[in-house]
Amino acid sequence: MTGSIAGVASRVTPGRLRWLWLAHTAWVVVILVDMACFITSVRPTFALLTQPCLETDASVCPLGQAPLADWRAMQASGITPAAFAAFNLAVIVSVSLLFFAVGFLIAWRRWRDMMGLFVSAVLITFGSTGMSDTLANTAIPLLGVFQFAIVVLSYPALATFMLTFPTGRFTPRWTALIVLLWIVQFALFVTSMPIAVLLVSVLVTWGSCALTQVYRYARVYTPRERQQTKWVVFGLVVGISVYFLSALLPHVWPELNTPGSLYRMTLIVWLALVWVPLPLGVGIAILRSRLYDIDVIIRRTAIYGLLTVILAGVYAGGVIGGQRALLALTGGGSDSPIVIVLSTLAVAALFQPLRRGIQTTIDRRFNRQAYDARRTLERFSATLRDEVDLPGLRERLTEMVMETVQPSSVSLWLREATREANDTSASIPAERK
């Protein structure tokens, strides 16, 4: 029998079988409604995307629908409305299919696990409404009622997922009350409250869930559950980073924000990349929590992400500062290839030493155990070149293993072959408890 997501197996009892039967029935009903709403929403969504958004504020336009200025620029460049709508719809449907694939895979692998069924239903439900509810309402009135109910329930379902993953329990129990805050937040969005009120509600709901996970990570979780939580948090961080990067680019290069630009026409791709890491992180955490070493991925992401930011700053500062200095000295044009070449050579020269420095700093601050183990191995390697006393070498080797691997005990056997003993082995134990 498959145990819980946390890996704790439990015995099947009649009461548990009844709960499993109810969970399976509820899962099937929810999935059938989700699939019906998704299939019947594709055509209305395509029809919506073939029309321009007439709102003066482009931020309130439905995701994937081009504002009027972009629409006119798109038509002037020869792009047909059907082609634009098909591209955006394909991206939206692809993200939904990813949510479906991960959700169905979790249900298949964790069919007798109620927490697995719940996570599966949450993923499939979010996929059935598209990225941030991008799919239009279904053309069937009765399904429209169910679709609205799904959107309403998705908020408390998301809160329950964040507050109970990966154990399936509210810890501490009073954290279940935080779900009520998410229901209040949905009511505030429906009633179109001022943006300041909505911002405060988002900070309260997401912040309370984040603080709860931090407490559980530090005080409650087992090592396996911490690995699972890291995968989900890693997916969230990657998605949020992509979102802020897509929002920052138009401020760095204002030409990207001109109507009809390639960036604005393919903005749906950036938003898709925001959502993709989340189901992948959840799927890996539940199905293959030890498939990859998440600590190594986080460490390398931090190292190379920080390295990229610093080198980009050095390059931009070198180019801008060098051109201004050259302009002040010569009074000629500021567009000099010499400055660009020198800045490129400076970045190339700084790459390796800067990478080693960042790696050492991160390991010293956040991965102290691996840092200390590497230093211990380096000291032991230096000792091997100078140590000639076998008992002393044996003692140093034992100490090195205790410091780096940290086992409960260490035993060392040295084989001493002699003719008198007919090549039998003599054990020289060196055991430390």
Protein backbone atom coordinates (compact mmCIF):
# COMPACT_ATOMS: atom_id res chain seq x y z
CA MET A 1 0.00 0.00 0.00
CA THR A 2 1.21 3.50 -0.76
CA GLY A 3 1.79 5.53 2.36
CA SER A 4 1.25 9.21 2.87
CA ILE A 5 3.25 11.81 0.98
CA ALA A 6 5.54 12.07 3.95
CA GLY A 7 6.35 8.41 3.48
CA VAL A 8 4.54 7.07 6.53
CA ALA A 9 2.70 3.84 5.82
CA SER A 10 -0.50 3.11 7.64
CA ARG A 11 -2.62 0.01 7.97
CA VAL A 12 -5.82 -0.17 5.95
CA THR A 13 -8.84 -0.25 8.27
CA PRO A 14 -12.55 -0.34 7.41
CA GLY A 15 -12.88 3.29 8.45
CA ARG A 16 -9.98 4.30 6.24
CA LEU A 17 -11.43 2.33 3.32
CA ARG A 18 -14.70 4.28 3.64
CA TRP A 19 -12.82 7.57 3.64
CA LEU A 20 -10.80 6.44 0.63
CA TRP A 21 -13.99 5.50 -1.21
CA LEU A 22 -15.45 8.96 -0.51
CA ALA A 23 -12.17 10.60 -1.58
CA HIS A 24 -12.11 8.60 -4.83
CA THR A 25 -15.73 9.49 -5.57
CA ALA A 26 -15.14 13.20 -4.88
CA TRP A 27 -11.97 13.15 -7.00
CA VAL A 28 -13.78 11.59 -9.97
CA VAL A 29 -16.64 14.11 -9.76
CA VAL A 30 -14.28 17.09 -9.52
CA ILE A 31 -12.13 15.86 -12.40
CA LEU A 32 -15.14 15.23 -14.66
CA VAL A 33 -16.42 18.75 -14.01
CA ASP A 34 -12.94 20.20 -14.56
CA MET A 35 -12.52 18.41 -17.88
CA ALA A 36 -15.99 19.42 -19.08
CA CYS A 37 -15.36 23.09 -18.22
CA PHE A 38 -11.91 23.01 -19.84
CA ILE A 39 -13.07 21.44 -23.12
CA THR A 40 -16.11 23.70 -23.50
CA SER A 41 -14.07 26.83 -22.69
CA VAL A 42 -11.49 26.47 -25.46
CA ARG A 43 -13.72 27.71 -28.28
CA PRO A 44 -15.07 30.81 -26.43
CA THR A 45 -11.49 31.65 -25.42
CA PHE A 46 -10.34 31.52 -29.05
CA ALA A 47 -13.22 33.79 -30.08
CA LEU A 48 -12.29 36.25 -27.30
CA LEU A 49 -8.63 36.34 -28.31
CA THR A 50 -9.49 37.16 -31.92
CA GLN A 51 -10.94 40.49 -30.72
CA PRO A 52 -8.96 43.50 -29.44
CA CYS A 53 -9.23 44.70 -25.85
CA LEU A 54 -10.93 48.10 -25.81
CA GLU A 55 -9.93 48.98 -22.23
CA THR A 56 -7.83 52.12 -21.85
CA ASP A 57 -5.76 50.41 -19.14
CA ALA A 58 -4.00 47.42 -20.73
CA SER A 59 -3.39 45.83 -17.32
CA VAL A 60 -7.10 44.97 -16.95
CA CYS A 61 -7.30 43.23 -20.32
CA PRO A 62 -7.76 39.45 -20.22
CA LEU A 63 -4.50 37.55 -20.43
CA GLY A 64 -3.69 36.82 -24.08
CA GLN A 65 -5.99 39.49 -25.52
CA ALA A 66 -4.09 42.27 -27.31
CA PRO A 67 -4.82 45.92 -26.42
CA LEU A 68 -6.12 48.10 -29.25
CA ALA A 69 -2.73 49.74 -29.93
CA ASP A 70 -1.02 46.36 -30.26
CA TRP A 71 -3.91 45.12 -32.36
CA ARG A 72 -3.49 47.89 -34.91
CA ALA A 73 0.30 47.44 -35.03
CA MET A 74 -0.17 43.70 -35.44
CA GLN A 75 -2.54 44.14 -38.37
CA ALA A 76 -0.16 46.63 -39.99
CA SER A 77 2.64 44.04 -39.85
CA GLY A 78 0.45 41.41 -41.53
CA ILE A 79 -0.30 39.18 -38.53
CA THR A 80 -3.86 37.86 -38.75
CA PRO A 81 -6.13 37.82 -35.69
CA ALA A 82 -6.63 34.06 -36.04
CA ALA A 83 -2.87 33.38 -36.00
CA PHE A 84 -2.36 35.58 -32.94
CA ALA A 85 -5.27 33.96 -31.10
CA ALA A 86 -4.10 30.45 -32.02
CA PHE A 87 -0.59 31.15 -30.70
CA ASN A 88 -1.82 32.52 -27.37
CA LEU A 89 -4.39 29.76 -26.96
CA ALA A 90 -1.75 27.10 -27.70
CA VAL A 91 0.46 28.46 -24.91
CA ILE A 92 -2.44 28.58 -22.43
CA VAL A 93 -3.57 25.05 -23.28
CA SER A 94 0.01 23.73 -23.07
CA VAL A 95 0.38 25.00 -19.50
CA SER A 96 -3.01 23.47 -18.62
CA LEU A 97 -1.92 20.14 -20.10
CA LEU A 98 1.21 20.24 -17.94
CA PHE A 99 -0.95 20.70 -14.82
CA PHE A 100 -3.16 17.82 -16.02
CA ALA A 101 -0.19 15.53 -16.67
CA VAL A 102 1.34 16.07 -13.24
CA GLY A 103 -2.06 15.84 -11.52
CA PHE A 104 -3.05 12.57 -13.21
CA LEU A 105 0.41 11.10 -12.60
CA ILE A 106 0.15 11.88 -8.88
CA ALA A 107 -3.32 10.32 -8.75
CA TRP A 108 -2.07 7.20 -10.51
CA ARG A 109 0.94 6.79 -8.24
CA ARG A 110 -0.83 7.87 -5.01
CA TRP A 111 -4.32 6.50 -5.62
CA ARG A 112 -4.69 5.24 -2.04
CA ASP A 113 -3.29 8.39 -0.46
CA MET A 114 -5.88 11.06 0.37
CA MET A 115 -3.30 13.86 0.44
CA GLY A 116 -2.06 12.74 -2.98
CA LEU A 117 -5.61 12.78 -4.32
CA PHE A 118 -6.16 16.26 -2.91
CA VAL A 119 -2.97 17.66 -4.48
CA SER A 120 -3.89 15.98 -7.77
CA ALA A 121 -7.36 17.58 -7.73
CA VAL A 122 -5.89 21.01 -6.93
CA LEU A 123 -3.43 20.83 -9.85
CA ILE A 124 -6.05 19.62 -12.34
CA THR A 125 -8.52 22.27 -11.15
CA PHE A 126 -5.99 25.05 -11.69
CA GLY A 127 -5.19 23.65 -15.10
CA SER A 128 -8.86 23.55 -16.09
CA THR A 129 -9.19 27.34 -15.69
CA GLY A 130 -5.95 28.22 -17.49
CA MET A 131 -3.15 30.45 -16.29
CA SER A 132 -4.64 32.72 -13.64
CA ASP A 133 -8.19 31.93 -14.87
CA THR A 134 -7.44 32.90 -18.49
CA LEU A 135 -9.97 30.55 -20.09
CA ALA A 136 -13.31 32.16 -20.89
CA ASN A 137 -16.55 30.99 -19.38
CA THR A 138 -18.04 27.87 -20.86
CA ALA A 139 -20.92 28.26 -23.31
CA ILE A 140 -23.05 25.76 -21.37
CA PRO A 141 -25.04 27.53 -18.59
CA LEU A 142 -25.06 24.62 -16.14
CA LEU A 143 -21.34 24.08 -16.52
CA GLY A 144 -20.84 27.79 -16.03
CA VAL A 145 -22.26 27.45 -12.52
CA PHE A 146 -19.84 24.61 -11.77
CA GLN A 147 -16.99 26.58 -13.29
CA PHE A 148 -17.70 29.55 -11.03
CA ALA A 149 -17.84 27.18 -8.06
CA ILE A 150 -14.44 25.77 -9.06
CA VAL A 151 -12.93 29.26 -9.16
CA VAL A 152 -14.41 30.05 -5.74
CA LEU A 153 -13.15 26.81 -4.19
CA SER A 154 -9.71 27.14 -5.74
CA TYR A 155 -8.72 29.83 -3.22
CA PRO A 156 -9.33 27.80 -0.03
CA ALA A 157 -7.99 24.71 -1.82
CA LEU A 158 -4.71 26.51 -2.60
CA ALA A 159 -4.49 27.73 1.00
CA THR A 160 -5.12 24.21 2.32
CA PHE A 161 -2.41 22.85 0.04
CA MET A 162 0.17 25.38 1.21
CA LEU A 163 -0.72 24.91 4.88
CA THR A 164 -0.74 21.10 4.88
CA PHE A 165 1.91 20.09 2.34
CA PRO A 166 3.65 17.65 2.59
CA THR A 167 2.28 16.00 5.75
CA GLY A 168 -1.44 16.41 4.99
CA ARG A 169 -2.09 17.94 8.43
CA PHE A 170 -2.54 21.44 9.82
CA THR A 171 0.40 21.99 12.17
CA PRO A 172 -0.31 23.74 14.49
CA ARG A 173 -4.04 23.03 14.25
CA TRP A 174 -5.07 26.67 14.57
CA THR A 175 -3.44 27.37 11.18
CA ALA A 176 -6.63 25.97 9.62
CA LEU A 177 -8.18 29.36 10.43
CA ILE A 178 -5.87 30.95 7.85
CA VAL A 179 -8.04 29.35 5.15
CA LEU A 180 -10.79 31.78 6.18
CA LEU A 181 -8.48 34.68 5.29
CA TRP A 182 -8.23 33.35 1.73
CA ILE A 183 -12.03 33.23 1.49
CA VAL A 184 -12.16 36.86 2.65
CA GLN A 185 -9.51 37.75 0.06
CA PHE A 186 -11.63 36.24 -2.72
CA ALA A 187 -14.63 38.27 -1.53
CA LEU A 188 -12.51 41.44 -1.64
CA PHE A 189 -11.49 40.72 -5.25
CA VAL A 190 -15.09 40.01 -6.29
CA THR A 191 -16.35 43.26 -4.74
CA SER A 192 -13.57 45.27 -6.49
CA MET A 193 -12.07 46.81 -3.39
CA PRO A 194 -9.36 49.51 -3.70
CA ILE A 195 -5.95 48.29 -4.82
CA ALA A 196 -4.39 49.15 -1.44
CA VAL A 197 -6.86 46.87 0.36
CA LEU A 198 -6.25 44.07 -2.12
CA LEU A 199 -2.49 44.41 -1.74
CA VAL A 200 -2.75 44.17 2.05
CA SER A 201 -4.97 41.09 1.77
CA VAL A 202 -2.47 39.38 -0.55
CA LEU A 203 0.40 40.14 1.82
CA VAL A 204 -1.56 38.80 4.79
CA THR A 205 -2.69 35.56 3.11
CA TRP A 206 0.56 34.63 1.39
CA GLY A 207 2.69 35.89 4.28
CA SER A 208 0.81 33.83 6.86
CA CYS A 209 1.23 30.67 4.75
CA ALA A 210 4.92 31.39 4.25
CA LEU A 211 5.53 31.94 7.96
CA THR A 212 3.68 28.72 8.76
CA GLN A 213 5.90 26.77 6.38
CA VAL A 214 9.03 28.38 7.86
CA TYR A 215 7.97 27.33 11.37
CA ARG A 216 7.16 23.79 10.28
CA TYR A 217 10.40 23.51 8.32
CA ALA A 218 12.43 24.51 11.39
CA ARG A 219 10.48 22.64 14.09
CA VAL A 220 8.28 19.90 12.62
CA TYR A 221 9.50 18.44 9.33
CA THR A 222 11.62 15.35 8.92
CA PRO A 223 14.64 15.48 6.57
CA ARG A 224 12.57 13.91 3.78
CA GLU A 225 9.74 16.42 4.24
CA ARG A 226 12.25 19.26 4.14
CA GLN A 227 13.54 18.00 0.80
CA GLN A 228 9.97 17.91 -0.54
CA THR A 229 9.30 21.44 0.70
CA LYS A 230 12.49 22.68 -0.96
CA TRP A 231 11.29 21.45 -4.34
CA VAL A 232 7.98 23.32 -4.07
CA VAL A 233 9.63 26.49 -2.77
CA PHE A 234 12.25 26.25 -5.52
CA GLY A 235 9.49 26.11 -8.13
CA LEU A 236 7.76 29.13 -6.59
CA VAL A 237 11.00 31.12 -6.44
CA VAL A 238 11.82 30.36 -10.08
CA GLY A 239 8.32 31.38 -11.18
CA ILE A 240 8.37 34.61 -9.17
CA SER A 241 11.86 35.42 -10.49
CA VAL A 242 10.68 35.00 -14.09
CA TYR A 243 7.69 37.25 -13.36
CA PHE A 244 9.82 40.06 -11.95
CA LEU A 245 12.32 39.67 -14.80
CA SER A 246 9.54 40.03 -17.39
CA ALA A 247 8.25 43.12 -15.56
CA LEU A 248 11.75 44.62 -15.28
CA LEU A 249 12.82 44.23 -18.90
CA PRO A 250 10.55 47.00 -20.32
CA HIS A 251 12.00 49.43 -17.76
CA VAL A 252 15.57 48.57 -18.79
CA TRP A 253 14.80 48.64 -22.54
CA PRO A 254 11.77 50.94 -23.06
CA GLU A 255 11.57 50.00 -26.75
CA LEU A 256 10.27 46.59 -25.67
CA ASN A 257 7.11 48.26 -24.41
CA THR A 258 6.20 49.88 -27.73
CA PRO A 259 2.91 48.70 -29.29
CA GLY A 260 3.39 45.77 -31.64
CA SER A 261 6.87 44.86 -30.34
CA LEU A 262 7.91 41.21 -30.30
CA TYR A 263 8.08 41.32 -26.50
CA ARG A 264 4.48 42.45 -26.12
CA MET A 265 3.25 40.02 -28.77
CA THR A 266 4.91 37.08 -26.98
CA LEU A 267 4.24 38.20 -23.41
CA ILE A 268 2.07 35.12 -22.93
CA VAL A 269 5.22 32.97 -23.16
CA TRP A 270 6.83 34.79 -20.23
CA LEU A 271 3.71 34.34 -18.13
CA ALA A 272 3.64 30.66 -19.05
CA LEU A 273 7.20 30.28 -17.75
CA VAL A 274 5.97 31.75 -14.45
CA TRP A 275 3.51 28.86 -14.01
CA VAL A 276 5.52 25.94 -15.38
CA PRO A 277 7.95 25.46 -12.43
CA LEU A 278 5.13 25.05 -9.87
CA PRO A 279 3.59 21.74 -11.07
CA LEU A 280 7.04 20.38 -11.87
CA GLY A 281 8.27 21.14 -8.35
CA VAL A 282 5.16 19.61 -6.76
CA GLY A 283 5.39 16.52 -8.95
CA ILE A 284 9.06 15.90 -8.16
CA ALA A 285 8.47 16.52 -4.44
CA ILE A 286 5.69 13.92 -4.26
CA LEU A 287 6.84 11.29 -6.74
CA ARG A 288 10.62 11.53 -6.73
CA SER A 289 11.70 13.63 -3.77
CA ARG A 290 15.23 12.20 -3.98
CA LEU A 291 15.54 11.96 -7.76
CA TYR A 292 17.85 14.97 -7.79
CA ASP A 293 19.84 16.70 -5.10
CA ILE A 294 17.81 19.86 -4.60
CA ASP A 295 20.54 21.37 -2.39
CA VAL A 296 23.01 21.21 -5.27
CA ILE A 297 20.48 22.83 -7.64
CA ILE A 298 19.71 25.63 -5.19
CA ARG A 299 23.42 26.18 -4.53
CA ARG A 300 24.32 26.38 -8.22
CA THR A 301 21.33 28.58 -8.99
CA ALA A 302 22.38 31.01 -6.26
CA ILE A 303 26.03 30.99 -7.39
CA TYR A 304 25.46 31.50 -11.10
CA GLY A 305 22.47 33.82 -10.61
CA LEU A 306 24.50 36.14 -8.38
CA LEU A 307 27.50 35.80 -10.71
CA THR A 308 25.38 36.81 -13.71
CA VAL A 309 23.98 39.87 -11.92
CA ILE A 310 27.43 41.06 -10.81
CA LEU A 311 29.06 40.52 -14.21
CA ALA A 312 26.16 42.23 -15.98
CA GLY A 313 26.55 45.19 -13.63
CA VAL A 314 30.31 45.31 -14.23
CA TYR A 315 29.82 45.16 -17.99
CA ALA A 316 27.09 47.81 -18.05
CA GLY A 317 29.05 50.06 -15.68
CA GLY A 318 32.22 49.62 -17.72
CA VAL A 319 30.54 50.43 -21.01
CA ILE A 320 28.54 53.41 -19.76
CA GLY A 321 31.31 54.78 -17.53
CA GLY A 322 34.02 54.22 -20.13
CA GLN A 323 32.07 55.91 -22.89
CA ARG A 324 31.30 58.91 -20.69
CA ALA A 325 34.94 59.15 -19.63
CA LEU A 326 36.08 58.90 -23.25
CA LEU A 327 33.57 61.58 -24.24
CA ALA A 328 34.86 63.89 -21.50
CA LEU A 329 38.49 63.36 -22.53
CA THR A 330 38.22 63.51 -26.31
CA GLY A 331 34.98 65.40 -26.87
CA GLY A 332 34.17 63.02 -29.72
CA GLY A 333 31.50 60.38 -30.15
CA SER A 334 30.74 58.18 -27.18
CA ASP A 335 30.13 55.00 -29.21
CA SER A 336 33.64 53.53 -29.10
CA PRO A 337 34.31 49.82 -29.74
CA ILE A 338 37.42 50.01 -27.53
CA VAL A 339 35.31 50.52 -24.43
CA ILE A 340 33.11 47.54 -25.33
CA VAL A 341 36.15 45.32 -25.95
CA LEU A 342 37.82 46.34 -22.69
CA SER A 343 34.59 45.75 -20.72
CA THR A 344 34.22 42.31 -22.31
CA LEU A 345 37.83 41.40 -21.44
CA ALA A 346 37.27 42.59 -17.85
CA VAL A 347 34.19 40.38 -17.51
CA ALA A 348 36.09 37.40 -18.94
CA ALA A 349 38.98 37.97 -16.53
CA LEU A 350 36.68 38.31 -13.52
CA PHE A 351 34.56 35.22 -14.27
CA GLN A 352 36.63 32.47 -12.63
CA PRO A 353 37.92 34.33 -9.53
CA LEU A 354 34.53 35.87 -8.92
CA ARG A 355 32.81 32.48 -9.27
CA ARG A 356 35.21 30.89 -6.78
CA GLY A 357 34.74 33.76 -4.35
CA ILE A 358 30.93 33.59 -4.53
CA GLN A 359 30.99 29.80 -4.20
CA THR A 360 33.24 29.97 -1.14
CA THR A 361 31.08 32.67 0.47
CA ILE A 362 27.83 30.78 -0.12
CA ASP A 363 29.30 27.51 1.16
CA ARG A 364 30.71 29.23 4.24
CA ARG A 365 27.41 30.95 5.06
CA PHE A 366 24.74 28.46 3.97
CA ASN A 367 26.48 25.11 3.41
CA ARG A 368 28.90 25.06 6.31
CA GLN A 369 29.02 21.27 6.63
CA ALA A 370 30.20 20.75 3.04
CA TYR A 371 32.62 23.68 3.38
CA ASP A 372 34.16 22.24 6.56
CA ALA A 373 34.35 18.78 4.97
CA ARG A 374 36.25 20.15 1.98
CA ARG A 375 38.68 22.01 4.22
CA THR A 376 39.22 18.85 6.27
CA LEU A 377 39.98 16.83 3.13
CA GLU A 378 42.45 19.47 1.98
CA ARG A 379 44.26 19.34 5.34
CA PHE A 380 44.34 15.54 5.24
CA SER A 381 45.78 15.58 1.71
CA ALA A 382 48.56 17.85 2.93
CA THR A 383 49.17 15.50 5.87
CA LEU A 384 49.61 12.48 3.57
CA ARG A 385 52.66 14.09 2.00
CA ASP A 386 54.44 14.51 5.34
CA GLU A 387 53.15 11.77 7.66
CA VAL A 388 55.30 8.60 7.84
CA ASP A 389 54.12 7.19 11.15
CA LEU A 390 51.44 4.53 10.49
CA PRO A 391 49.61 4.83 13.84
CA GLY A 392 49.57 8.60 13.49
CA LEU A 393 48.25 8.36 9.93
CA ARG A 394 45.60 5.89 11.07
CA GLU A 395 44.46 8.29 13.78
CA ARG A 396 44.31 11.24 11.36
CA LEU A 397 42.35 9.20 8.83
CA THR A 398 39.84 8.20 11.49
CA GLU A 399 39.45 11.80 12.62
CA MET A 400 38.97 12.97 9.02
CA VAL A 401 36.19 10.43 8.41
CA MET A 402 34.48 11.38 11.67
CA GLU A 403 34.53 15.09 10.75
CA THR A 404 33.40 14.77 7.12
CA VAL A 405 31.00 11.81 7.04
CA GLN A 406 29.98 11.97 10.75
CA PRO A 407 29.11 8.28 11.17
CA SER A 408 28.06 6.74 14.47
CA SER A 409 31.29 4.71 14.55
CA VAL A 410 34.43 4.25 12.49
CA SER A 411 36.48 1.07 12.11
CA LEU A 412 39.72 0.76 10.17
CA TRP A 413 41.36 -2.55 9.21
CA LEU A 414 44.81 -2.59 7.68
CA ARG A 415 45.85 -5.77 5.90
CA GLU A 416 49.45 -6.78 6.65
CA ALA A 417 50.66 -9.58 4.36
CA THR A 418 53.63 -11.70 5.67
CA ARG A 419 55.16 -14.90 4.50
CA GLU A 420 55.08 -16.44 7.97
CA ALA A 421 51.33 -15.87 8.20
CA ASN A 422 50.82 -17.27 4.66
CA ASP A 423 49.42 -13.96 3.47
CA THR A 424 46.68 -13.93 6.09
CA SER A 425 45.29 -10.60 7.14
CA ALA A 426 45.83 -9.06 10.51
CA SER A 427 43.28 -6.55 11.69
CA ILE A 428 44.40 -3.37 13.33
CA PRO A 429 41.14 -1.95 14.61
CA ALA A 430 40.77 1.75 15.14
CA GLU A 431 37.22 2.21 16.32
CA ARG A 432 35.71 5.37 17.71
CA LYS A 433 32.22 5.59 19.05
